[in-house]
Amino acid sequence: MKQRNRDKSGYLQLIRGNRSFRYLWAGQVISLTGDWFNLIASAALIATLTQSGTAIGGLFVVRMLAPFLVSPIAGVVADRYNRRAILIITDVLRCFVVLGFVLVREPQQVWLIYALTAVQAASQGFYFPAWNALLPDITKPGEVGIANALSSATWSVMLAFGSALGGLVAGVVGVYPAFVLDAITFLLSALILFRMPYRSTLKRDSDQSMMAGIRQYIDGLSYLRRHIDTFSIAIQKAVLGFFIIGFFQVAQVTIAEQHFPIGEGGSISMGLIYVMAGIGSGLSPILGRNWARDRDRRLRLMIAFGYVCASVGFLICSTLISLPVVLIGALLRGVGGGLVWVLGTQLLLQIVPNEVRGRVFSTEFALYTLFAAVSSGSTGRLIDTSLGVSGVLALGSLILLVPTALWLLWIFFGKRDLVATSAAWHKP
């Protein structure tokens, strides 16, 4: 009980005592609310206009593939330029992009959803590596774990809140007001970040040429090649994207729109599924970190436990007995995904030095988006076959045991990387 009280006071103290993090966190809260408005609305709009699992899968393919394509540039940018400025610029860009969704009114205009989603997702490819790389810049060493857990829990809480609110708005008054609200949240986030106290700690490289940028990117890849344990951690998000997130995000749209439709295009039931996933992914990292206490081996074991939880969640959802049963499965899926995502990030924050941090996180995000894109496209096509969404979920539950076993083997037999220092990350 005393330990839990110390953890709670640590979160509150971080928000109260660290002004820079407070602004960063506030911007995250506002921006993420709009993000889930946009996702629910765009998925519901495509489901309504096309009635196709493949078309829905295509939306998530675009959302995932665009960040992958910009990742080589994004990682170098995050390690070369002011990270706060990157966040502000991408917020302003997304503000204008999402307003374009209100132009889509007919099935023939669905291509515009894909085009706008590509631009929005590409900007996110710059945003997230810079955000992750910036976090240790504005926190003390002892605050990094708390800040990571809190920001990840916030992501999940806003997933639950934003999805519920977005589903309600889209289901009651239509999808187009959700797009407008999303644009407003991006603008507010940019204004908050503009006021955030921040001084970049990166050393300015005198050579700012394109070739220098390519060399920096290759240097970042070389770091991962030389540090296999770090790469094994970074690849976990790719596994998460392929076996869990990319897989389930298509399935849940089909479940909501075809099996338990509530609201326009099943937007309200879709929002409820996202809510449960958000609750699970919000609670699990905090509880998992409270047990692991930033200890390397325990963090790794909790990632394995996350895969098991997701597998059980898929199996429960595959029954399609009722919407409440599906919501229980979605909760477990959220628990599993939250543990893998947050605790994997925590491990990287503990061992990756500042100078290469942006490139490591951009590579990690690139692998995640690529594999999630492949999974989304494949899942959409499988759902349109005789397997249906129920058979696809049951198959996914079984296949997920493979990465679980491989990760456990690495935990017990793999070689650990030592904590890297900022001065010695280059090859000796």
Protein backbone atom coordinates (compact mmCIF):
# COMPACT_ATOMS: atom_id res chain seq x y z
CA MET A 1 0.00 0.00 0.00
CA LYS A 2 2.83 2.38 0.88
CA GLN A 3 4.52 1.62 -2.45
CA ARG A 4 1.35 2.41 -4.37
CA ASN A 5 0.97 5.70 -2.50
CA ARG A 6 4.57 6.62 -3.38
CA ASP A 7 3.87 5.84 -7.04
CA LYS A 8 0.74 8.02 -7.05
CA SER A 9 2.60 10.89 -5.37
CA GLY A 10 5.40 10.48 -7.93
CA TYR A 11 2.97 10.98 -10.82
CA LEU A 12 1.40 14.02 -9.16
CA GLN A 13 4.78 15.48 -8.24
CA LEU A 14 5.97 15.12 -11.83
CA ILE A 15 2.97 17.05 -13.16
CA ARG A 16 3.16 19.72 -10.46
CA GLY A 17 6.93 20.13 -10.29
CA ASN A 18 8.03 19.75 -13.91
CA ARG A 19 6.61 22.63 -15.93
CA SER A 20 7.96 21.40 -19.27
CA PHE A 21 6.43 17.97 -18.84
CA ARG A 22 3.17 19.53 -17.69
CA TYR A 23 2.85 21.44 -20.98
CA LEU A 24 3.90 18.41 -23.03
CA TRP A 25 1.37 16.25 -21.20
CA ALA A 26 -1.45 18.81 -21.59
CA GLY A 27 -0.80 19.01 -25.33
CA GLN A 28 -0.91 15.23 -25.51
CA VAL A 29 -4.28 15.08 -23.73
CA ILE A 30 -5.90 17.54 -26.13
CA SER A 31 -4.34 16.18 -29.31
CA LEU A 32 -5.16 12.54 -28.56
CA THR A 33 -8.82 13.36 -27.95
CA GLY A 34 -9.05 14.59 -31.51
CA ASP A 35 -7.06 11.64 -32.86
CA TRP A 36 -9.67 9.15 -31.72
CA PHE A 37 -12.48 11.35 -33.01
CA ASN A 38 -10.80 11.17 -36.40
CA LEU A 39 -10.18 7.43 -36.38
CA ILE A 40 -13.73 6.50 -35.39
CA ALA A 41 -15.23 8.94 -37.89
CA SER A 42 -13.03 7.95 -40.85
CA ALA A 43 -13.48 4.21 -40.21
CA ALA A 44 -17.25 4.61 -39.86
CA LEU A 45 -17.39 6.74 -43.01
CA ILE A 46 -15.54 4.15 -45.11
CA ALA A 47 -17.62 1.30 -43.65
CA THR A 48 -20.81 3.17 -44.57
CA LEU A 49 -19.70 4.14 -48.07
CA THR A 50 -18.11 0.82 -49.11
CA GLN A 51 -19.45 -2.03 -46.92
CA SER A 52 -16.09 -3.74 -47.53
CA GLY A 53 -13.61 -5.32 -45.12
CA THR A 54 -10.87 -4.83 -47.69
CA ALA A 55 -11.63 -1.10 -47.92
CA ILE A 56 -11.54 -0.79 -44.13
CA GLY A 57 -8.26 -2.69 -44.05
CA GLY A 58 -6.94 -0.29 -46.71
CA LEU A 59 -7.55 2.66 -44.39
CA PHE A 60 -5.38 1.12 -41.69
CA VAL A 61 -2.75 0.11 -44.25
CA VAL A 62 -2.42 3.76 -45.26
CA ARG A 63 -2.35 4.89 -41.63
CA MET A 64 0.54 2.53 -40.95
CA LEU A 65 2.47 2.59 -44.22
CA ALA A 66 2.87 6.36 -44.52
CA PRO A 67 4.91 6.72 -41.27
CA PHE A 68 7.09 3.83 -42.38
CA LEU A 69 7.98 5.61 -45.63
CA VAL A 70 9.07 8.81 -43.87
CA SER A 71 10.87 7.10 -40.98
CA PRO A 72 14.42 7.39 -42.41
CA ILE A 73 13.99 11.17 -42.61
CA ALA A 74 12.02 11.48 -39.37
CA GLY A 75 14.68 9.82 -37.24
CA VAL A 76 17.44 12.07 -38.56
CA VAL A 77 15.25 15.16 -38.13
CA ALA A 78 14.51 14.22 -34.50
CA ASP A 79 18.24 13.88 -33.77
CA ARG A 80 19.25 17.00 -35.73
CA TYR A 81 16.64 19.71 -35.06
CA ASN A 82 14.68 21.18 -32.16
CA ARG A 83 12.27 18.46 -31.07
CA ARG A 84 9.64 20.84 -29.69
CA ALA A 85 9.53 22.70 -33.01
CA ILE A 86 8.94 19.40 -34.83
CA LEU A 87 5.92 18.71 -32.61
CA ILE A 88 4.43 22.16 -33.20
CA ILE A 89 4.89 22.04 -36.99
CA THR A 90 3.30 18.60 -37.30
CA ASP A 91 0.34 19.65 -35.13
CA VAL A 92 -0.35 22.70 -37.32
CA LEU A 93 -0.06 20.62 -40.49
CA ARG A 94 -2.52 18.01 -39.21
CA CYS A 95 -4.96 20.74 -38.22
CA PHE A 96 -5.40 21.72 -41.86
CA VAL A 97 -5.22 18.20 -43.27
CA VAL A 98 -8.08 16.73 -41.22
CA LEU A 99 -10.44 19.51 -42.32
CA GLY A 100 -10.24 17.96 -45.79
CA PHE A 101 -12.19 14.91 -44.59
CA VAL A 102 -15.42 16.92 -44.58
CA LEU A 103 -15.25 17.00 -48.40
CA VAL A 104 -15.85 13.25 -48.71
CA ARG A 105 -19.54 12.66 -49.38
CA GLU A 106 -19.82 9.93 -52.05
CA PRO A 107 -18.32 6.43 -52.55
CA GLN A 108 -16.35 7.77 -55.53
CA GLN A 109 -14.55 10.18 -53.18
CA VAL A 110 -13.21 7.49 -50.83
CA TRP A 111 -9.79 7.90 -52.46
CA LEU A 112 -9.60 11.33 -50.81
CA ILE A 113 -9.87 9.71 -47.37
CA TYR A 114 -6.85 7.57 -48.20
CA ALA A 115 -4.88 10.54 -49.56
CA LEU A 116 -5.57 12.78 -46.56
CA THR A 117 -4.92 9.92 -44.16
CA ALA A 118 -1.55 9.36 -45.82
CA VAL A 119 -0.49 12.97 -45.23
CA GLN A 120 -1.79 12.95 -41.67
CA ALA A 121 -0.08 9.65 -40.87
CA ALA A 122 3.19 10.77 -42.47
CA SER A 123 3.24 13.80 -40.18
CA GLN A 124 2.70 11.46 -37.24
CA GLY A 125 5.78 9.61 -38.43
CA PHE A 126 7.74 12.76 -37.55
CA TYR A 127 5.74 13.52 -34.40
CA PHE A 128 6.10 10.30 -32.39
CA PRO A 129 9.88 9.74 -32.68
CA ALA A 130 10.45 13.39 -31.73
CA TRP A 131 8.00 13.09 -28.81
CA ASN A 132 9.66 9.94 -27.45
CA ALA A 133 13.15 11.36 -27.94
CA LEU A 134 12.19 14.62 -26.21
CA LEU A 135 10.81 12.97 -23.06
CA PRO A 136 14.19 12.29 -21.37
CA ASP A 137 15.32 15.83 -22.37
CA ILE A 138 12.80 17.42 -20.02
CA THR A 139 12.85 14.90 -17.15
CA LYS A 140 15.42 13.85 -14.59
CA PRO A 141 16.78 10.27 -14.74
CA GLY A 142 14.52 9.18 -11.89
CA GLU A 143 11.47 10.69 -13.59
CA VAL A 144 11.81 8.96 -16.97
CA GLY A 145 10.00 5.78 -15.96
CA ILE A 146 7.19 7.69 -14.27
CA ALA A 147 6.84 10.07 -17.22
CA ASN A 148 6.73 7.20 -19.71
CA ALA A 149 4.11 5.30 -17.71
CA LEU A 150 2.01 8.41 -17.21
CA SER A 151 2.13 9.49 -20.85
CA SER A 152 1.26 5.97 -21.98
CA ALA A 153 -1.60 5.75 -19.50
CA THR A 154 -2.80 9.12 -20.79
CA TRP A 155 -2.74 7.75 -24.34
CA SER A 156 -4.93 4.87 -23.20
CA VAL A 157 -7.30 7.01 -21.15
CA MET A 158 -7.77 9.34 -24.10
CA LEU A 159 -8.31 6.29 -26.29
CA ALA A 160 -11.18 5.33 -24.02
CA PHE A 161 -12.54 8.85 -23.57
CA GLY A 162 -11.95 10.06 -27.12
CA SER A 163 -13.34 6.89 -28.67
CA ALA A 164 -16.47 7.01 -26.53
CA LEU A 165 -17.01 10.69 -27.24
CA GLY A 166 -16.07 10.31 -30.89
CA GLY A 167 -18.38 7.35 -31.33
CA LEU A 168 -21.19 9.25 -29.64
CA VAL A 169 -20.69 12.37 -31.77
CA ALA A 170 -20.39 10.37 -35.00
CA GLY A 171 -23.36 8.18 -34.12
CA VAL A 172 -25.69 10.99 -33.07
CA VAL A 173 -24.80 14.05 -35.18
CA GLY A 174 -22.71 12.41 -37.93
CA VAL A 175 -19.04 11.94 -38.73
CA TYR A 176 -18.26 15.39 -40.11
CA PRO A 177 -18.40 17.36 -36.82
CA ALA A 178 -15.83 14.88 -35.46
CA PHE A 179 -13.35 15.93 -38.16
CA VAL A 180 -13.80 19.61 -37.31
CA LEU A 181 -13.26 18.96 -33.60
CA ASP A 182 -10.11 16.99 -34.44
CA ALA A 183 -8.68 19.98 -36.34
CA ILE A 184 -9.36 22.28 -33.38
CA THR A 185 -7.56 19.95 -30.96
CA PHE A 186 -4.41 19.94 -33.10
CA LEU A 187 -4.36 23.73 -33.11
CA LEU A 188 -4.80 23.91 -29.33
CA SER A 189 -2.02 21.35 -28.84
CA ALA A 190 0.37 23.43 -30.96
CA LEU A 191 -0.39 26.56 -28.91
CA ILE A 192 0.28 24.72 -25.64
CA LEU A 193 3.57 23.27 -26.91
CA PHE A 194 4.64 26.74 -28.05
CA ARG A 195 4.56 27.83 -24.38
CA MET A 196 6.51 24.79 -23.15
CA PRO A 197 9.94 25.70 -21.69
CA TYR A 198 12.54 23.74 -23.62
CA ARG A 199 16.17 24.04 -24.63
CA SER A 200 17.52 21.52 -27.09
CA THR A 201 20.49 19.51 -25.79
CA LEU A 202 21.52 18.26 -29.23
CA LYS A 203 24.84 19.39 -30.65
CA ARG A 204 24.46 21.16 -33.97
CA ASP A 205 26.30 19.32 -36.74
CA SER A 206 28.13 21.68 -39.08
CA ASP A 207 27.34 19.41 -42.04
CA GLN A 208 23.61 19.72 -42.71
CA SER A 209 23.67 18.20 -46.21
CA MET A 210 21.43 15.40 -47.44
CA MET A 211 24.38 13.02 -47.60
CA ALA A 212 25.20 13.80 -43.98
CA GLY A 213 21.61 12.97 -43.10
CA ILE A 214 21.84 9.65 -44.93
CA ARG A 215 25.06 8.86 -43.08
CA GLN A 216 23.35 9.69 -39.78
CA TYR A 217 20.48 7.36 -40.58
CA ILE A 218 22.82 4.52 -41.56
CA ASP A 219 24.81 5.19 -38.38
CA GLY A 220 21.60 4.74 -36.38
CA LEU A 221 20.90 1.42 -38.11
CA SER A 222 24.46 0.36 -37.38
CA TYR A 223 23.86 1.07 -33.71
CA LEU A 224 20.96 -1.39 -33.70
CA ARG A 225 23.03 -3.94 -35.63
CA ARG A 226 25.77 -3.74 -32.99
CA HIS A 227 23.31 -3.88 -30.09
CA ILE A 228 21.19 -6.96 -30.79
CA ASP A 229 19.42 -6.81 -27.44
CA THR A 230 18.30 -3.25 -28.13
CA PHE A 231 17.06 -4.37 -31.54
CA SER A 232 15.19 -7.30 -29.96
CA ILE A 233 13.34 -4.80 -27.77
CA ALA A 234 12.65 -2.41 -30.64
CA ILE A 235 11.22 -5.24 -32.76
CA GLN A 236 8.54 -5.93 -30.14
CA LYS A 237 6.41 -3.07 -31.47
CA ALA A 238 6.59 -4.62 -34.94
CA VAL A 239 5.35 -7.88 -33.41
CA LEU A 240 2.65 -5.93 -31.60
CA GLY A 241 1.62 -4.19 -34.82
CA PHE A 242 1.47 -7.40 -36.85
CA PHE A 243 -0.10 -9.84 -34.41
CA ILE A 244 -2.25 -7.56 -32.26
CA ILE A 245 -2.97 -3.96 -33.29
CA GLY A 246 -3.06 -4.16 -37.09
CA PHE A 247 -4.95 -7.42 -36.79
CA PHE A 248 -7.59 -6.33 -34.29
CA GLN A 249 -8.25 -2.79 -35.51
CA VAL A 250 -9.73 -4.13 -38.76
CA ALA A 251 -11.62 -6.93 -37.03
CA GLN A 252 -13.25 -4.58 -34.52
CA VAL A 253 -14.60 -2.31 -37.25
CA THR A 254 -16.23 -5.33 -38.92
CA ILE A 255 -17.63 -6.54 -35.60
CA ALA A 256 -19.14 -3.15 -34.85
CA GLU A 257 -20.50 -2.49 -38.34
CA GLN A 258 -21.83 -5.97 -39.21
CA HIS A 259 -22.49 -7.89 -35.99
CA PHE A 260 -23.39 -5.36 -33.28
CA PRO A 261 -24.20 -2.09 -35.10
CA ILE A 262 -25.13 0.83 -32.87
CA GLY A 263 -25.11 4.30 -34.41
CA GLU A 264 -24.12 5.35 -37.92
CA GLY A 265 -21.84 2.68 -39.43
CA GLY A 266 -21.61 1.01 -36.00
CA SER A 267 -19.74 4.07 -34.72
CA ILE A 268 -21.11 3.88 -31.16
CA SER A 269 -20.39 0.16 -30.75
CA MET A 270 -16.97 0.72 -32.34
CA GLY A 271 -16.34 3.47 -29.81
CA LEU A 272 -17.28 1.12 -26.96
CA ILE A 273 -14.77 -1.48 -28.18
CA TYR A 274 -12.08 1.19 -28.29
CA VAL A 275 -13.08 2.32 -24.81
CA MET A 276 -12.49 -1.13 -23.34
CA ALA A 277 -9.20 -1.49 -25.17
CA GLY A 278 -8.19 1.93 -23.85
CA ILE A 279 -9.06 1.03 -20.27
CA GLY A 280 -7.00 -2.14 -20.51
CA SER A 281 -4.00 -0.48 -22.10
CA GLY A 282 -4.17 2.36 -19.58
CA LEU A 283 -4.27 0.32 -16.40
CA SER A 284 -1.92 -2.51 -17.33
CA PRO A 285 1.33 -0.52 -17.84
CA ILE A 286 0.97 1.27 -14.50
CA LEU A 287 0.23 -1.97 -12.66
CA GLY A 288 2.95 -3.78 -14.59
CA ARG A 289 5.53 -1.10 -13.84
CA ASN A 290 4.56 -1.09 -10.16
CA TRP A 291 5.53 -4.76 -10.07
CA ALA A 292 8.59 -4.48 -12.33
CA ARG A 293 9.93 -1.27 -10.72
CA ASP A 294 12.12 -0.57 -13.80
CA ARG A 295 13.97 -3.86 -13.30
CA ASP A 296 15.13 -5.21 -16.63
CA ARG A 297 14.12 -8.85 -16.27
CA ARG A 298 10.73 -8.10 -14.76
CA LEU A 299 9.94 -5.60 -17.51
CA ARG A 300 10.71 -8.27 -20.11
CA LEU A 301 8.56 -10.88 -18.37
CA MET A 302 5.61 -8.49 -18.28
CA ILE A 303 5.91 -8.08 -22.07
CA ALA A 304 5.55 -11.86 -22.43
CA PHE A 305 2.52 -11.76 -20.13
CA GLY A 306 1.08 -9.04 -22.40
CA TYR A 307 1.16 -11.38 -25.39
CA VAL A 308 -0.69 -14.05 -23.41
CA CYS A 309 -3.40 -11.58 -22.37
CA ALA A 310 -3.91 -10.46 -25.98
CA SER A 311 -4.20 -14.08 -27.14
CA VAL A 312 -6.92 -14.80 -24.59
CA GLY A 313 -8.71 -11.57 -25.56
CA PHE A 314 -8.79 -12.60 -29.22
CA LEU A 315 -10.20 -16.01 -28.33
CA ILE A 316 -13.01 -14.44 -26.28
CA CYS A 317 -13.88 -11.96 -29.06
CA SER A 318 -14.00 -14.76 -31.65
CA THR A 319 -17.08 -16.26 -29.98
CA LEU A 320 -19.21 -13.22 -30.96
CA ILE A 321 -21.72 -14.30 -28.32
CA SER A 322 -22.73 -10.74 -27.52
CA LEU A 323 -21.33 -7.23 -27.50
CA PRO A 324 -20.52 -7.38 -23.72
CA VAL A 325 -18.46 -10.54 -24.31
CA VAL A 326 -16.60 -8.83 -27.16
CA LEU A 327 -15.93 -5.88 -24.85
CA ILE A 328 -14.34 -8.21 -22.28
CA GLY A 329 -12.09 -9.61 -24.99
CA ALA A 330 -11.21 -6.08 -26.12
CA LEU A 331 -10.27 -5.22 -22.53
CA LEU A 332 -7.79 -8.11 -22.39
CA ARG A 333 -6.43 -7.17 -25.80
CA GLY A 334 -5.85 -3.69 -24.43
CA VAL A 335 -4.08 -5.07 -21.37
CA GLY A 336 -1.74 -7.08 -23.56
CA GLY A 337 -1.01 -4.34 -26.05
CA GLY A 338 -0.41 -1.79 -23.30
CA LEU A 339 2.15 -3.97 -21.55
CA VAL A 340 4.11 -4.65 -24.73
CA TRP A 341 4.10 -1.03 -25.94
CA VAL A 342 4.82 0.82 -22.71
CA LEU A 343 7.31 -1.51 -21.09
CA GLY A 344 9.18 -1.95 -24.36
CA THR A 345 9.50 1.83 -24.58
CA GLN A 346 10.66 1.91 -20.96
CA LEU A 347 13.46 -0.55 -21.70
CA LEU A 348 14.66 1.55 -24.65
CA LEU A 349 14.56 4.78 -22.64
CA GLN A 350 16.82 3.12 -20.07
CA ILE A 351 19.51 1.88 -22.46
CA VAL A 352 19.56 4.13 -25.59
CA PRO A 353 21.73 7.31 -25.46
CA ASN A 354 20.44 10.76 -26.41
CA GLU A 355 22.38 11.27 -29.65
CA VAL A 356 20.87 8.24 -31.37
CA ARG A 357 17.55 8.10 -29.54
CA GLY A 358 15.49 9.71 -32.30
CA ARG A 359 16.75 7.29 -34.93
CA VAL A 360 16.17 4.26 -32.71
CA PHE A 361 12.60 5.33 -31.97
CA SER A 362 11.91 6.20 -35.62
CA THR A 363 13.21 2.78 -36.70
CA GLU A 364 11.09 1.14 -34.02
CA PHE A 365 8.03 3.12 -35.18
CA ALA A 366 8.81 2.33 -38.83
CA LEU A 367 8.92 -1.41 -38.14
CA TYR A 368 5.70 -1.14 -36.16
CA THR A 369 3.85 0.72 -38.90
CA LEU A 370 5.14 -1.53 -41.69
CA PHE A 371 4.10 -4.74 -39.99
CA ALA A 372 0.79 -3.25 -38.82
CA ALA A 373 0.07 -2.18 -42.42
CA VAL A 374 0.75 -5.69 -43.73
CA SER A 375 -1.43 -7.14 -40.97
CA SER A 376 -4.29 -4.71 -41.61
CA GLY A 377 -4.37 -5.44 -45.33
CA SER A 378 -4.15 -9.19 -44.82
CA THR A 379 -6.81 -9.19 -42.11
CA GLY A 380 -9.24 -7.22 -44.26
CA ARG A 381 -8.90 -9.75 -47.07
CA LEU A 382 -9.19 -12.74 -44.71
CA ILE A 383 -12.38 -11.36 -43.19
CA ASP A 384 -13.93 -11.25 -46.67
CA THR A 385 -13.25 -15.01 -47.08
CA SER A 386 -15.18 -17.95 -45.64
CA LEU A 387 -13.26 -17.60 -42.35
CA GLY A 388 -15.16 -14.47 -41.43
CA VAL A 389 -14.19 -12.28 -38.51
CA SER A 390 -14.79 -15.06 -35.95
CA GLY A 391 -12.43 -17.51 -37.66
CA VAL A 392 -9.79 -14.82 -38.20
CA LEU A 393 -9.77 -13.91 -34.50
CA ALA A 394 -9.51 -17.55 -33.41
CA LEU A 395 -6.61 -18.06 -35.81
CA GLY A 396 -4.90 -14.92 -34.51
CA SER A 397 -5.20 -16.16 -30.93
CA LEU A 398 -3.34 -19.34 -31.83
CA ILE A 399 -0.62 -17.70 -33.94
CA LEU A 400 0.15 -15.17 -31.20
CA LEU A 401 1.66 -17.97 -29.10
CA VAL A 402 4.65 -18.10 -31.49
CA PRO A 403 6.13 -14.64 -30.71
CA THR A 404 5.36 -15.25 -27.04
CA ALA A 405 7.56 -18.36 -27.03
CA LEU A 406 10.36 -16.66 -29.00
CA TRP A 407 10.45 -13.69 -26.62
CA LEU A 408 10.61 -15.97 -23.60
CA LEU A 409 13.56 -17.80 -25.16
CA TRP A 410 15.38 -14.48 -25.61
CA ILE A 411 14.65 -13.46 -22.00
CA PHE A 412 16.27 -16.59 -20.61
CA PHE A 413 19.06 -17.16 -23.14
CA GLY A 414 19.74 -13.84 -24.91
CA LYS A 415 22.67 -11.53 -24.17
CA ARG A 416 21.83 -8.20 -22.52
CA ASP A 417 23.07 -4.79 -23.66
CA LEU A 418 24.65 -2.61 -21.00
CA VAL A 419 23.18 0.82 -20.31
CA ALA A 420 24.70 3.09 -22.95
CA THR A 421 26.23 6.49 -22.25
CA SER A 422 25.82 9.53 -24.44
CA ALA A 423 29.54 9.86 -24.99
CA ALA A 424 30.19 6.32 -26.07
CA TRP A 425 27.47 5.14 -28.40
CA HIS A 426 29.63 5.13 -31.51
CA LYS A 427 31.48 2.01 -32.55
CA PRO A 428 34.85 1.84 -30.73
